[in-house]
Amino acid sequence: MIGIIGGNGVAATNRLCQLIEERCTRKGAFRDGHHPEMLIWQATKVPSRSMYLEGKGPNWIEDYVEIGRKMKECGCTKLCMCCNTAHYAIEELSEKIGLPFFNLLDLVALKVKEIRCTKIGMMCSDGLRKVGIYEERFARLVPNVTFVYPDREYQDIVTKGICNAKHKIRFTDSSVEPLHPNNLFTSVCSHLINDKNVDCIVGGCTDISNVFAFPFSIYEDIKYIDSLDILAEAIVKSEFTMKF
């Protein structure tokens, strides 16, 4: 049984469950029993992962340890976190909980290796950017790529987009609301492509997936990697066991 530590954000966790269900159904599932058994914990009371890494908030790691242990007691055999930033502590969490994790950051790096891009633009939380964990993973798994972040003013737009993905503004019409998160992330992508000359962009926060559609019609030659989509694919590949 898969345990999903979510609530970071809530909508992104719901989206992950939707992506898993859709993939299984497209693979041929037509009964409830054909889908993987999962336990979802919307850990909404845990302190902000990014704020902690920025030095602005309390530690959240022991809260995740407690949640993971409870999920293990419920029968979970493997865990995942619906939060890129939480992967800062993935080794510590795995050791203290006693269960393996799907490592989202490694999965993204391996996807970059598969599609053979050379210059990667990253959209992620301030905290994850500050500690550079994504950079470390890429340096180890895909050492031949160049890894870049948005300029400071555009990093602030990423942060605003992540916040607005959790806000009712996401339900407004993006064609008339300039602060709609889809518009904010689109502007960051334009910056990464036109100013940084990237050939691939990573949506390195799961909240992005719920509100952003990369404009492939404009940037036909650019690859876009949705980290939440990558996690869903890994879970289904690991757990989908239906036989025909």
Protein backbone atom coordinates (compact mmCIF):
# COMPACT_ATOMS: atom_id res chain seq x y z
CA MET A 1 0.00 0.00 0.00
CA ILE A 2 1.25 3.45 -0.96
CA GLY A 3 1.19 6.21 1.64
CA ILE A 4 0.93 9.75 0.29
CA ILE A 5 1.99 12.54 2.65
CA GLY A 6 0.11 15.45 1.17
CA GLY A 7 -1.58 18.65 2.17
CA ASN A 8 1.28 20.58 0.62
CA GLY A 9 -0.78 21.70 -1.09
CA VAL A 10 -4.19 20.17 -0.69
CA ALA A 11 -5.23 20.71 -4.31
CA ALA A 12 -1.95 19.25 -5.57
CA THR A 13 -2.53 16.11 -3.49
CA ASN A 14 -6.04 15.75 -4.89
CA ARG A 15 -4.61 16.23 -8.36
CA LEU A 16 -2.04 13.48 -7.76
CA CYS A 17 -4.81 11.03 -6.85
CA GLN A 18 -6.68 12.04 -10.01
CA LEU A 19 -3.61 11.50 -12.18
CA ILE A 20 -3.03 8.05 -10.67
CA GLU A 21 -6.65 7.02 -11.23
CA GLU A 22 -6.66 8.28 -14.81
CA ARG A 23 -3.44 6.46 -15.68
CA CYS A 24 -4.67 3.18 -14.25
CA THR A 25 -7.98 3.47 -16.08
CA ARG A 26 -6.24 4.25 -19.37
CA LYS A 27 -4.09 1.16 -18.82
CA GLY A 28 -7.24 -0.94 -18.65
CA ALA A 29 -8.55 -0.80 -15.08
CA PHE A 30 -12.34 -1.10 -15.00
CA ARG A 31 -12.99 -2.15 -11.41
CA ASP A 32 -12.07 -0.53 -8.10
CA GLY A 33 -9.88 -3.50 -7.25
CA HIS A 34 -7.71 -2.86 -10.29
CA HIS A 35 -6.35 0.34 -8.73
CA PRO A 36 -3.50 0.53 -6.20
CA GLU A 37 -4.42 0.73 -2.54
CA MET A 38 -3.38 4.10 -1.13
CA LEU A 39 -3.55 6.01 2.14
CA ILE A 40 -3.61 9.80 1.76
CA TRP A 41 -2.73 12.04 4.70
CA GLN A 42 -3.53 15.68 4.11
CA ALA A 43 -0.88 17.01 6.50
CA THR A 44 -2.24 20.55 6.61
CA LYS A 45 -1.09 21.29 10.18
CA VAL A 46 2.61 20.69 9.50
CA PRO A 47 4.75 23.89 9.34
CA SER A 48 5.83 25.24 5.96
CA ARG A 49 8.73 23.32 4.48
CA SER A 50 9.94 26.31 2.48
CA MET A 51 9.70 28.78 5.37
CA TYR A 52 11.82 26.47 7.51
CA LEU A 53 14.52 26.18 4.84
CA GLU A 54 14.49 29.95 4.47
CA GLY A 55 15.12 30.29 8.21
CA LYS A 56 11.71 31.87 8.80
CA GLY A 57 9.71 29.10 10.44
CA PRO A 58 9.73 26.02 12.69
CA ASN A 59 11.05 22.59 11.73
CA TRP A 60 8.54 20.25 10.15
CA ILE A 61 10.62 17.07 9.87
CA GLU A 62 9.52 15.36 13.10
CA ASP A 63 5.88 15.95 12.18
CA TYR A 64 6.47 14.05 8.95
CA VAL A 65 8.26 11.30 10.86
CA GLU A 66 5.25 10.90 13.15
CA ILE A 67 2.86 10.83 10.19
CA GLY A 68 5.03 8.34 8.31
CA ARG A 69 5.18 5.99 11.29
CA LYS A 70 1.41 6.08 11.66
CA MET A 71 1.02 5.30 7.96
CA LYS A 72 3.42 2.39 8.38
CA GLU A 73 1.31 1.09 11.26
CA CYS A 74 -1.71 1.26 8.94
CA GLY A 75 0.02 -1.05 6.47
CA CYS A 76 1.80 1.26 4.06
CA THR A 77 4.87 -0.31 2.49
CA LYS A 78 6.17 2.67 0.52
CA LEU A 79 5.72 6.41 0.89
CA CYS A 80 5.79 9.51 -1.24
CA MET A 81 5.52 13.22 -0.56
CA CYS A 82 3.40 15.52 -2.66
CA CYS A 83 5.93 18.30 -2.11
CA ASN A 84 9.25 18.87 -3.84
CA THR A 85 10.59 20.97 -0.98
CA ALA A 86 10.01 18.22 1.61
CA HIS A 87 12.58 16.08 -0.23
CA TYR A 88 15.24 18.11 1.54
CA ALA A 89 14.89 15.54 4.36
CA ILE A 90 13.98 12.41 2.40
CA GLU A 91 16.91 10.29 3.60
CA GLU A 92 16.34 11.28 7.24
CA LEU A 93 12.63 10.58 6.95
CA SER A 94 13.13 7.19 5.33
CA GLU A 95 15.60 6.14 8.03
CA LYS A 96 13.47 7.30 10.97
CA ILE A 97 10.19 5.93 9.57
CA GLY A 98 11.67 2.70 8.29
CA LEU A 99 10.09 2.79 4.85
CA PRO A 100 11.37 3.61 1.34
CA PHE A 101 10.17 6.68 -0.55
CA PHE A 102 9.57 7.53 -4.17
CA ASN A 103 12.24 10.22 -4.64
CA LEU A 104 10.56 12.87 -6.76
CA LEU A 105 13.71 14.91 -7.32
CA ASP A 106 15.60 11.90 -8.64
CA LEU A 107 12.66 10.97 -10.86
CA VAL A 108 12.70 14.44 -12.41
CA ALA A 109 16.46 14.33 -12.96
CA LEU A 110 16.19 10.93 -14.64
CA LYS A 111 13.42 12.26 -16.88
CA VAL A 112 15.72 15.10 -17.98
CA LYS A 113 18.38 12.51 -18.75
CA GLU A 114 15.87 10.51 -20.80
CA ILE A 115 14.77 13.43 -22.98
CA ARG A 116 18.38 14.65 -23.39
CA CYS A 117 17.97 18.34 -22.66
CA THR A 118 21.04 20.44 -22.01
CA LYS A 119 19.93 23.57 -20.14
CA ILE A 120 17.28 23.29 -17.44
CA GLY A 121 15.23 26.14 -15.99
CA MET A 122 13.79 25.48 -12.54
CA MET A 123 10.59 26.86 -11.02
CA CYS A 124 10.46 25.89 -7.33
CA SER A 125 9.96 27.28 -3.83
CA ASP A 126 12.37 29.79 -2.29
CA GLY A 127 13.36 27.25 0.35
CA LEU A 128 14.23 24.52 -2.11
CA ARG A 129 16.19 26.99 -4.19
CA LYS A 130 18.12 28.21 -1.14
CA VAL A 131 19.36 24.76 -0.07
CA GLY A 132 20.14 23.65 -3.64
CA ILE A 133 18.96 20.05 -3.29
CA TYR A 134 17.71 19.91 -6.88
CA GLU A 135 21.12 21.08 -8.06
CA GLU A 136 22.81 18.32 -6.05
CA ARG A 137 20.53 15.66 -7.53
CA PHE A 138 21.10 16.91 -11.05
CA ALA A 139 24.87 17.11 -10.53
CA ARG A 140 24.87 13.47 -9.45
CA LEU A 141 22.40 11.99 -11.95
CA VAL A 142 22.64 14.33 -14.97
CA PRO A 143 26.06 16.00 -14.63
CA ASN A 144 26.24 17.24 -18.20
CA VAL A 145 23.30 19.64 -18.03
CA THR A 146 23.36 23.33 -17.12
CA PHE A 147 20.96 24.17 -14.30
CA VAL A 148 19.52 27.71 -13.91
CA TYR A 149 17.00 29.55 -11.76
CA PRO A 150 14.94 32.63 -12.65
CA ASP A 151 16.33 36.05 -11.84
CA ARG A 152 15.26 37.36 -8.42
CA GLU A 153 12.28 39.36 -9.66
CA TYR A 154 10.97 36.31 -11.50
CA GLN A 155 11.63 34.04 -8.51
CA ASP A 156 9.30 36.36 -6.59
CA ILE A 157 6.71 35.75 -9.31
CA VAL A 158 7.14 31.98 -8.87
CA THR A 159 6.48 32.41 -5.15
CA LYS A 160 3.40 34.53 -5.86
CA GLY A 161 2.18 31.91 -8.31
CA ILE A 162 2.56 29.13 -5.75
CA CYS A 163 0.64 31.19 -3.17
CA ASN A 164 -2.10 32.03 -5.68
CA ALA A 165 -2.42 28.35 -6.60
CA LYS A 166 -3.79 27.87 -3.07
CA HIS A 167 -6.03 30.95 -3.31
CA LYS A 168 -9.52 31.45 -4.72
CA ILE A 169 -7.97 33.60 -7.44
CA ARG A 170 -7.18 30.36 -9.25
CA PHE A 171 -10.92 30.07 -10.02
CA THR A 172 -10.99 33.41 -11.83
CA ASP A 173 -10.76 33.86 -15.59
CA SER A 174 -7.06 33.88 -16.48
CA SER A 175 -7.79 35.89 -19.63
CA VAL A 176 -8.79 38.91 -17.52
CA GLU A 177 -6.95 38.35 -14.20
CA PRO A 178 -3.21 39.16 -14.53
CA LEU A 179 -2.42 37.58 -11.15
CA HIS A 180 -3.95 34.25 -12.07
CA PRO A 181 -1.21 31.69 -11.33
CA ASN A 182 -1.27 30.41 -14.90
CA ASN A 183 -0.30 33.89 -16.10
CA LEU A 184 2.42 34.23 -13.47
CA PHE A 185 4.06 30.93 -14.34
CA THR A 186 3.75 31.70 -18.05
CA SER A 187 5.72 34.91 -17.55
CA VAL A 188 8.45 33.03 -15.67
CA CYS A 189 8.69 30.47 -18.47
CA SER A 190 9.01 33.27 -21.01
CA HIS A 191 11.89 34.71 -18.96
CA LEU A 192 13.66 31.36 -18.70
CA ILE A 193 13.31 30.70 -22.42
CA ASN A 194 14.05 34.16 -23.81
CA ASP A 195 16.55 35.47 -21.25
CA LYS A 196 18.20 32.26 -20.04
CA ASN A 197 18.00 30.23 -23.27
CA VAL A 198 16.81 27.03 -21.60
CA ASP A 199 15.56 24.09 -23.64
CA CYS A 200 13.64 22.52 -20.76
CA ILE A 201 11.65 23.86 -17.81
CA VAL A 202 10.82 21.94 -14.65
CA GLY A 203 7.69 22.70 -12.66
CA GLY A 204 9.46 21.88 -9.41
CA CYS A 205 6.53 22.53 -7.10
CA THR A 206 3.50 20.25 -7.15
CA ASP A 207 1.13 23.22 -6.71
CA ILE A 208 2.12 24.39 -10.18
CA SER A 209 0.55 21.33 -11.78
CA ASN A 210 -2.92 22.20 -10.57
CA VAL A 211 -3.04 25.65 -12.19
CA PHE A 212 -0.58 25.85 -15.08
CA ALA A 213 -0.70 24.72 -18.68
CA PHE A 214 2.61 25.17 -20.46
CA PRO A 215 2.05 27.06 -23.77
CA PHE A 216 3.45 24.44 -26.15
CA SER A 217 1.75 26.17 -29.07
CA ILE A 218 4.11 29.13 -28.53
CA TYR A 219 7.24 27.24 -27.49
CA GLU A 220 7.11 24.13 -29.65
CA ASP A 221 10.79 23.27 -29.20
CA ILE A 222 10.83 23.56 -25.41
CA LYS A 223 10.33 20.57 -23.13
CA TYR A 224 8.29 20.96 -19.96
CA ILE A 225 8.46 18.55 -17.02
CA ASP A 226 5.60 18.53 -14.53
CA SER A 227 6.96 17.07 -11.28
CA LEU A 228 3.52 15.95 -10.07
CA ASP A 229 2.92 14.12 -13.34
CA ILE A 230 6.29 12.40 -12.99
CA LEU A 231 5.38 11.21 -9.48
CA ALA A 232 2.02 9.85 -10.63
CA GLU A 233 3.69 7.96 -13.47
CA ALA A 234 6.24 6.40 -11.12
CA ILE A 235 3.56 5.25 -8.67
CA VAL A 236 1.44 3.69 -11.39
CA LYS A 237 4.44 2.02 -13.01
CA SER A 238 5.41 0.55 -9.64
CA GLU A 239 1.97 -0.46 -8.37
CA PHE A 240 -0.28 -1.20 -11.36
CA THR A 241 -0.46 -4.98 -11.48
CA MET A 242 -3.58 -5.72 -13.50
CA LYS A 243 -3.17 -8.70 -15.82
CA PHE A 244 -5.17 -9.31 -18.99
